[in-house]
Amino acid sequence: MDSKKNKILEDVSGDKCFWVNNGPVVRNIYEFADALEHMTAASFNYHVTSQKNDFSNWIEGVLGDKELGLKIRHRSQQDAADAVRKKIYILEDSVERKKVEQITDESPKERLLELRKSRAETLDAAQERNEKNPERVADWVRGLATATTAKAGE
């Protein structure tokens, strides 16, 4: 996910906050969704008229989401709140998917190579400790090889 989409989920600087008429100061899209859901009709109507939509302008200009700004421009208070909550869900889902992709980016082949390298390093250390008992080391290596192969298949 690009950083621009990620930014919309973060707090804006103090000079970019949205001051809801007779309501809270909004610093991010989460607080904005909450404010929309809980503000009075009078507060909503102060910011949204047939000539202006302060919320839409703030989302476009400050949060940088022109699509969402346009989507809520001519919506009722509840519809605007629903659209904002939906956008939050989509963005959070995208962030989580990106985290999962980064975690699972490593291919099974790469994992197997790492396990083999680790096994070789462990074997070298064991051989140094057990040079006097080669049969014990051979049994241990066979057990480690079986465990490594099973783990790589997970």
Protein backbone atom coordinates (compact mmCIF):
# COMPACT_ATOMS: atom_id res chain seq x y z
CA MET A 1 0.00 0.00 0.00
CA ASP A 2 1.38 3.37 -0.88
CA SER A 3 2.05 5.92 1.82
CA LYS A 4 -0.60 8.33 0.52
CA LYS A 5 -3.36 5.84 1.30
CA ASN A 6 -1.74 5.09 4.65
CA LYS A 7 -1.59 8.81 5.54
CA ILE A 8 -5.38 9.13 5.61
CA LEU A 9 -5.44 6.87 8.68
CA GLU A 10 -3.00 9.08 10.60
CA ASP A 11 -3.47 12.27 12.61
CA VAL A 12 -3.06 15.56 10.78
CA SER A 13 -1.02 18.41 12.22
CA GLY A 14 -2.73 20.81 14.61
CA ASP A 15 -3.20 23.50 11.99
CA LYS A 16 -5.01 21.05 9.68
CA CYS A 17 -7.57 19.79 12.22
CA PHE A 18 -11.27 20.16 11.46
CA TRP A 19 -13.21 22.15 14.03
CA VAL A 20 -16.79 20.90 14.10
CA ASN A 21 -19.27 23.66 14.93
CA ASN A 22 -20.35 23.13 18.56
CA GLY A 23 -18.46 19.84 18.50
CA PRO A 24 -15.07 18.17 18.67
CA VAL A 25 -11.79 18.96 16.97
CA VAL A 26 -11.13 16.20 14.43
CA ARG A 27 -7.55 15.07 13.77
CA ASN A 28 -8.06 11.95 11.65
CA ILE A 29 -10.57 9.94 9.65
CA TYR A 30 -11.53 7.84 12.71
CA GLU A 31 -12.47 10.92 14.73
CA PHE A 32 -14.23 12.33 11.68
CA ALA A 33 -16.40 9.20 11.33
CA ASP A 34 -17.22 9.35 15.03
CA ALA A 35 -18.03 13.06 14.83
CA LEU A 36 -20.33 12.51 11.84
CA GLU A 37 -22.21 9.80 13.69
CA HIS A 38 -22.68 11.83 16.88
CA MET A 39 -23.05 15.46 15.83
CA THR A 40 -26.38 17.20 15.88
CA ALA A 41 -28.28 17.89 12.69
CA ALA A 42 -27.67 21.61 13.33
CA SER A 43 -23.89 21.07 13.39
CA PHE A 44 -24.03 18.97 10.23
CA ASN A 45 -26.17 21.56 8.47
CA TYR A 46 -23.79 24.34 9.51
CA HIS A 47 -21.00 22.61 7.54
CA VAL A 48 -23.11 21.21 4.69
CA THR A 49 -25.37 23.45 2.63
CA SER A 50 -26.40 23.61 -1.00
CA GLN A 51 -23.43 25.94 -1.61
CA LYS A 52 -20.70 24.20 0.41
CA ASN A 53 -19.58 21.01 2.09
CA ASP A 54 -16.81 21.69 4.59
CA PHE A 55 -16.40 17.97 5.33
CA SER A 56 -15.87 17.06 1.70
CA ASN A 57 -13.42 19.93 1.28
CA TRP A 58 -11.44 18.83 4.36
CA ILE A 59 -11.26 15.22 3.21
CA GLU A 60 -10.10 16.26 -0.25
CA GLY A 61 -7.77 19.09 0.74
CA VAL A 62 -6.31 17.89 4.02
CA LEU A 63 -6.59 14.11 4.00
CA GLY A 64 -5.94 14.01 0.27
CA ASP A 65 -8.76 11.62 -0.64
CA LYS A 66 -10.58 13.20 -3.57
CA GLU A 67 -12.64 10.05 -4.21
CA LEU A 68 -14.09 9.98 -0.68
CA GLY A 69 -14.57 13.75 -0.69
CA LEU A 70 -16.66 13.53 -3.86
CA LYS A 71 -18.55 10.52 -2.53
CA ILE A 72 -19.80 12.36 0.56
CA ARG A 73 -20.31 15.77 -1.09
CA HIS A 74 -24.06 15.40 -1.67
CA ARG A 75 -24.91 12.83 0.98
CA SER A 76 -27.00 12.89 4.11
CA GLN A 77 -25.27 12.81 7.47
CA GLN A 78 -25.85 9.07 7.90
CA ASP A 79 -24.85 8.22 4.33
CA ALA A 80 -21.66 10.28 4.70
CA ALA A 81 -20.83 8.50 7.98
CA ASP A 82 -21.44 5.12 6.33
CA ALA A 83 -19.20 6.02 3.37
CA VAL A 84 -16.42 7.13 5.71
CA ARG A 85 -16.67 3.95 7.82
CA LYS A 86 -16.57 1.86 4.64
CA LYS A 87 -13.44 3.71 3.48
CA ILE A 88 -11.79 3.11 6.87
CA TYR A 89 -12.57 -0.59 6.61
CA ILE A 90 -11.14 -0.80 3.08
CA LEU A 91 -7.96 1.05 4.06
CA GLU A 92 -7.41 -1.00 7.21
CA ASP A 93 -7.99 -4.21 5.27
CA SER A 94 -5.44 -3.11 2.69
CA VAL A 95 -2.89 -2.31 5.40
CA GLU A 96 -3.40 -5.73 7.02
CA ARG A 97 -3.10 -7.52 3.68
CA LYS A 98 0.18 -5.71 3.03
CA LYS A 99 1.50 -6.81 6.43
CA VAL A 100 0.55 -10.43 5.68
CA GLU A 101 2.21 -10.21 2.25
CA GLN A 102 5.42 -8.98 3.85
CA ILE A 103 5.37 -11.80 6.37
CA THR A 104 4.63 -14.50 3.78
CA ASP A 105 6.79 -12.98 1.06
CA GLU A 106 9.46 -15.55 1.74
CA SER A 107 9.02 -18.48 -0.63
CA PRO A 108 9.10 -22.10 0.57
CA LYS A 109 12.37 -22.58 -1.35
CA GLU A 110 13.97 -19.68 0.54
CA ARG A 111 12.71 -21.10 3.84
CA LEU A 112 14.15 -24.52 2.99
CA LEU A 113 17.52 -22.99 2.13
CA GLU A 114 17.55 -21.09 5.44
CA LEU A 115 16.66 -24.26 7.34
CA ARG A 116 19.41 -26.21 5.57
CA LYS A 117 21.96 -23.50 6.37
CA SER A 118 20.86 -23.51 9.99
CA ARG A 119 21.04 -27.30 10.08
CA ALA A 120 24.58 -27.25 8.63
CA GLU A 121 25.72 -24.70 11.21
CA THR A 122 24.18 -26.77 14.00
CA LEU A 123 25.79 -29.94 12.62
CA ASP A 124 29.22 -28.29 12.49
CA ALA A 125 28.90 -27.23 16.11
CA ALA A 126 27.74 -30.70 17.15
CA GLN A 127 30.56 -32.40 15.31
CA GLU A 128 33.08 -30.25 17.10
CA ARG A 129 31.58 -31.26 20.45
CA ASN A 130 31.15 -34.93 19.62
CA GLU A 131 34.15 -35.85 17.50
CA LYS A 132 34.81 -38.82 19.75
CA ASN A 133 31.35 -40.36 19.24
CA PRO A 134 30.56 -40.36 15.47
CA GLU A 135 27.64 -42.83 15.70
CA ARG A 136 25.78 -40.59 18.12
CA VAL A 137 26.30 -37.61 15.78
CA ALA A 138 25.04 -39.60 12.76
CA ASP A 139 21.83 -40.56 14.63
CA TRP A 140 21.34 -36.96 15.71
CA VAL A 141 21.84 -35.68 12.13
CA ARG A 142 19.25 -38.11 10.75
CA GLY A 143 16.75 -36.89 13.34
CA LEU A 144 17.50 -33.25 12.55
CA ALA A 145 17.13 -33.87 8.80
CA THR A 146 13.71 -35.46 9.35
CA ALA A 147 12.57 -32.59 11.55
CA THR A 148 13.85 -29.96 9.09
CA THR A 149 12.08 -31.57 6.15
CA ALA A 150 8.83 -31.77 8.13
CA LYS A 151 9.12 -28.13 9.22
CA ALA A 152 9.78 -26.91 5.66
CA GLY A 153 6.57 -28.60 4.53
CA GLU A 154 4.44 -26.64 7.05
